[in-house]
Amino acid sequence: MPVLTSGRSLPLLLSTSPASATYKTPEGAVALRLLALPDELGPDIQHETRNIVRGPDGETISDLGGQIAFEASQNVERPDWLVGITVGGVIAFTAPAEGTYTFEAIVDQSSASVPLHVVHQPAGN
């Protein structure tokens, strides 16, 4: 079973203007580090994934999931050692208010969460 390693805080600054004052969508890049034994990875091995964004009040804003296969080099000298892979992505969600949101990534039974600090500022700053 792949294991997610912990991440860091992602400060997001969101500019708003009168036209978009009620629909604020911060975006940020995220990189997830997965560790697994080589025989747990491959094109025919599916893993259950979920990405959850929670608001400052803990309410779920977004919850997306599915199945995915991760691949790593099978040419390893020590098949009993963990293999690390990094998966990149983008987080985008509607943030109606400033505050600390939470992004949680889940792969199989492993999960990692990072805070997302959202601050609205006037356009042009």
C-alpha atoms as a PDB file:
ATOM      1  CA  MET A   1       0.000   0.000   0.000  1.00  0.00           C
ATOM      2  CA  PRO A   2       1.521   3.389  -0.978  1.00  0.00           C
ATOM      3  CA  VAL A   3       2.172   5.824   1.858  1.00  0.00           C
ATOM      4  CA  LEU A   4       1.853   9.597   1.500  1.00  0.00           C
ATOM      5  CA  THR A   5       4.553  11.668   3.173  1.00  0.00           C
ATOM      6  CA  SER A   6       3.525  14.875   4.926  1.00  0.00           C
ATOM      7  CA  GLY A   7       3.588  18.228   3.166  1.00  0.00           C
ATOM      8  CA  ARG A   8       3.938  21.880   4.058  1.00  0.00           C
ATOM      9  CA  SER A   9       1.580  24.809   4.350  1.00  0.00           C
ATOM     10  CA  LEU A  10       0.608  26.373   1.019  1.00  0.00           C
ATOM     11  CA  PRO A  11      -0.030  30.113   1.377  1.00  0.00           C
ATOM     12  CA  LEU A  12      -2.419  31.217  -1.380  1.00  0.00           C
ATOM     13  CA  LEU A  13      -3.087  34.873  -2.181  1.00  0.00           C
ATOM     14  CA  LEU A  14      -6.304  35.576  -4.010  1.00  0.00           C
ATOM     15  CA  SER A  15      -6.955  38.844  -5.843  1.00  0.00           C
ATOM     16  CA  THR A  16     -10.553  39.940  -6.221  1.00  0.00           C
ATOM     17  CA  SER A  17     -12.265  42.608  -8.277  1.00  0.00           C
ATOM     18  CA  PRO A  18     -15.869  43.892  -8.219  1.00  0.00           C
ATOM     19  CA  ALA A  19     -16.776  41.509 -11.077  1.00  0.00           C
ATOM     20  CA  SER A  20     -15.546  38.454  -9.202  1.00  0.00           C
ATOM     21  CA  ALA A  21     -16.301  39.464  -5.613  1.00  0.00           C
ATOM     22  CA  THR A  22     -18.739  36.592  -5.047  1.00  0.00           C
ATOM     23  CA  TYR A  23     -16.848  33.859  -6.939  1.00  0.00           C
ATOM     24  CA  LYS A  24     -13.283  33.532  -5.678  1.00  0.00           C
ATOM     25  CA  THR A  25     -11.216  30.632  -6.934  1.00  0.00           C
ATOM     26  CA  PRO A  26      -7.720  30.260  -5.512  1.00  0.00           C
ATOM     27  CA  GLU A  27      -5.354  27.906  -7.288  1.00  0.00           C
ATOM     28  CA  GLY A  28      -2.145  26.354  -6.075  1.00  0.00           C
ATOM     29  CA  ALA A  29       0.260  23.656  -7.156  1.00  0.00           C
ATOM     30  CA  VAL A  30       0.738  20.607  -4.981  1.00  0.00           C
ATOM     31  CA  ALA A  31       3.262  17.770  -5.081  1.00  0.00           C
ATOM     32  CA  LEU A  32       2.508  14.498  -3.320  1.00  0.00           C
ATOM     33  CA  ARG A  33       5.300  12.104  -2.389  1.00  0.00           C
ATOM     34  CA  LEU A  34       4.317   8.429  -2.413  1.00  0.00           C
ATOM     35  CA  LEU A  35       6.392   5.600  -0.953  1.00  0.00           C
ATOM     36  CA  ALA A  36       5.679   1.955  -1.797  1.00  0.00           C
ATOM     37  CA  LEU A  37       7.350  -1.368  -2.396  1.00  0.00           C
ATOM     38  CA  PRO A  38       8.074  -1.943  -6.101  1.00  0.00           C
ATOM     39  CA  ASP A  39       5.535  -4.784  -6.333  1.00  0.00           C
ATOM     40  CA  GLU A  40       2.760  -2.412  -5.132  1.00  0.00           C
ATOM     41  CA  LEU A  41       3.183  -0.200  -8.214  1.00  0.00           C
ATOM     42  CA  GLY A  42       2.489  -0.946 -11.845  1.00  0.00           C
ATOM     43  CA  PRO A  43       0.097  -0.348 -14.728  1.00  0.00           C
ATOM     44  CA  ASP A  44      -2.243  -3.167 -13.640  1.00  0.00           C
ATOM     45  CA  ILE A  45      -2.407  -2.234  -9.931  1.00  0.00           C
ATOM     46  CA  GLN A  46      -5.217   0.221  -9.195  1.00  0.00           C
ATOM     47  CA  HIS A  47      -5.234   2.441  -6.105  1.00  0.00           C
ATOM     48  CA  GLU A  48      -8.216   4.266  -4.621  1.00  0.00           C
ATOM     49  CA  THR A  49      -7.592   8.035  -4.425  1.00  0.00           C
ATOM     50  CA  ARG A  50      -9.498  11.009  -2.993  1.00  0.00           C
ATOM     51  CA  ASN A  51      -8.730  14.716  -2.797  1.00  0.00           C
ATOM     52  CA  ILE A  52     -10.752  16.672  -0.246  1.00  0.00           C
ATOM     53  CA  VAL A  53     -10.860  20.431   0.399  1.00  0.00           C
ATOM     54  CA  ARG A  54     -12.447  21.600   3.665  1.00  0.00           C
ATOM     55  CA  GLY A  55     -13.381  25.154   4.606  1.00  0.00           C
ATOM     56  CA  PRO A  56     -12.290  27.046   7.721  1.00  0.00           C
ATOM     57  CA  ASP A  57     -15.372  25.649   9.498  1.00  0.00           C
ATOM     58  CA  GLY A  58     -14.460  22.048   8.558  1.00  0.00           C
ATOM     59  CA  GLU A  59     -17.268  21.735   5.994  1.00  0.00           C
ATOM     60  CA  THR A  60     -16.378  19.763   2.846  1.00  0.00           C
ATOM     61  CA  ILE A  61     -16.076  22.053  -0.200  1.00  0.00           C
ATOM     62  CA  SER A  62     -14.786  19.496  -2.697  1.00  0.00           C
ATOM     63  CA  ASP A  63     -14.421  15.717  -2.590  1.00  0.00           C
ATOM     64  CA  LEU A  64     -13.107  14.036  -5.733  1.00  0.00           C
ATOM     65  CA  GLY A  65     -11.998  10.442  -6.038  1.00  0.00           C
ATOM     66  CA  GLY A  66     -11.270   7.619  -8.392  1.00  0.00           C
ATOM     67  CA  GLN A  67      -8.906   4.817  -9.315  1.00  0.00           C
ATOM     68  CA  ILE A  68      -5.368   5.342 -10.580  1.00  0.00           C
ATOM     69  CA  ALA A  69      -2.265   3.264 -11.290  1.00  0.00           C
ATOM     70  CA  PHE A  70       1.187   4.526 -10.307  1.00  0.00           C
ATOM     71  CA  GLU A  71       4.332   3.282 -12.006  1.00  0.00           C
ATOM     72  CA  ALA A  72       7.940   3.313 -10.889  1.00  0.00           C
ATOM     73  CA  SER A  73      11.038   1.728 -12.306  1.00  0.00           C
ATOM     74  CA  GLN A  74      10.958  -2.022 -11.793  1.00  0.00           C
ATOM     75  CA  ASN A  75      14.741  -2.210 -12.218  1.00  0.00           C
ATOM     76  CA  VAL A  76      15.604  -1.937  -8.540  1.00  0.00           C
ATOM     77  CA  GLU A  77      18.514  -3.641  -6.812  1.00  0.00           C
ATOM     78  CA  ARG A  78      16.609  -4.120  -3.565  1.00  0.00           C
ATOM     79  CA  PRO A  79      12.958  -5.071  -4.134  1.00  0.00           C
ATOM     80  CA  ASP A  80      12.351  -5.021  -0.371  1.00  0.00           C
ATOM     81  CA  TRP A  81      13.156  -1.262  -0.170  1.00  0.00           C
ATOM     82  CA  LEU A  82      10.618   1.512  -0.640  1.00  0.00           C
ATOM     83  CA  VAL A  83      10.402   3.319  -3.972  1.00  0.00           C
ATOM     84  CA  GLY A  84       9.491   7.015  -3.975  1.00  0.00           C
ATOM     85  CA  ILE A  85       7.474   8.779  -6.647  1.00  0.00           C
ATOM     86  CA  THR A  86       6.203  12.351  -6.794  1.00  0.00           C
ATOM     87  CA  VAL A  87       2.792  13.191  -8.250  1.00  0.00           C
ATOM     88  CA  GLY A  88       2.035  16.803  -9.173  1.00  0.00           C
ATOM     89  CA  GLY A  89      -1.317  18.512  -9.464  1.00  0.00           C
ATOM     90  CA  VAL A  90      -3.302  21.710  -9.034  1.00  0.00           C
ATOM     91  CA  ILE A  91      -5.761  22.595  -6.279  1.00  0.00           C
ATOM     92  CA  ALA A  92      -8.614  24.922  -7.318  1.00  0.00           C
ATOM     93  CA  PHE A  93     -11.784  25.588  -5.328  1.00  0.00           C
ATOM     94  CA  THR A  94     -14.280  28.312  -4.491  1.00  0.00           C
ATOM     95  CA  ALA A  95     -13.263  30.210  -1.356  1.00  0.00           C
ATOM     96  CA  PRO A  96     -16.053  32.604  -0.330  1.00  0.00           C
ATOM     97  CA  ALA A  97     -14.136  33.871   2.710  1.00  0.00           C
ATOM     98  CA  GLU A  98     -10.617  34.315   4.011  1.00  0.00           C
ATOM     99  CA  GLY A  99      -9.318  31.687   6.361  1.00  0.00           C
ATOM    100  CA  THR A 100      -7.408  28.457   6.670  1.00  0.00           C
ATOM    101  CA  TYR A 101      -8.759  25.753   4.403  1.00  0.00           C
ATOM    102  CA  THR A 102      -7.468  22.169   4.415  1.00  0.00           C
ATOM    103  CA  PHE A 103      -6.404  19.971   1.499  1.00  0.00           C
ATOM    104  CA  GLU A 104      -6.338  16.234   2.218  1.00  0.00           C
ATOM    105  CA  ALA A 105      -4.956  13.661  -0.209  1.00  0.00           C
ATOM    106  CA  ILE A 106      -5.836  10.004   0.331  1.00  0.00           C
ATOM    107  CA  VAL A 107      -4.317   7.004  -1.463  1.00  0.00           C
ATOM    108  CA  ASP A 108      -5.757   3.679  -0.326  1.00  0.00           C
ATOM    109  CA  GLN A 109      -5.610   3.891   3.505  1.00  0.00           C
ATOM    110  CA  SER A 110      -2.867   6.526   3.682  1.00  0.00           C
ATOM    111  CA  SER A 111      -3.598  10.249   3.956  1.00  0.00           C
ATOM    112  CA  ALA A 112      -1.795  13.577   4.330  1.00  0.00           C
ATOM    113  CA  SER A 113      -3.239  17.040   4.946  1.00  0.00           C
ATOM    114  CA  VAL A 114      -1.878  20.548   4.504  1.00  0.00           C
ATOM    115  CA  PRO A 115      -3.391  23.892   5.485  1.00  0.00           C
ATOM    116  CA  LEU A 116      -4.213  26.363   2.712  1.00  0.00           C
ATOM    117  CA  HIS A 117      -4.122  29.969   3.950  1.00  0.00           C
ATOM    118  CA  VAL A 118      -6.431  32.043   1.741  1.00  0.00           C
ATOM    119  CA  VAL A 119      -6.204  35.836   1.898  1.00  0.00           C
ATOM    120  CA  HIS A 120      -8.292  38.104  -0.345  1.00  0.00           C
ATOM    121  CA  GLN A 121      -6.606  41.276  -1.493  1.00  0.00           C
ATOM    122  CA  PRO A 122      -7.694  44.048  -3.842  1.00  0.00           C
ATOM    123  CA  ALA A 123      -6.836  43.569  -7.525  1.00  0.00           C
ATOM    124  CA  GLY A 124      -3.535  45.122  -8.561  1.00  0.00           C
ATOM    125  CA  ASN A 125      -1.711  44.404  -5.286  1.00  0.00           C
END
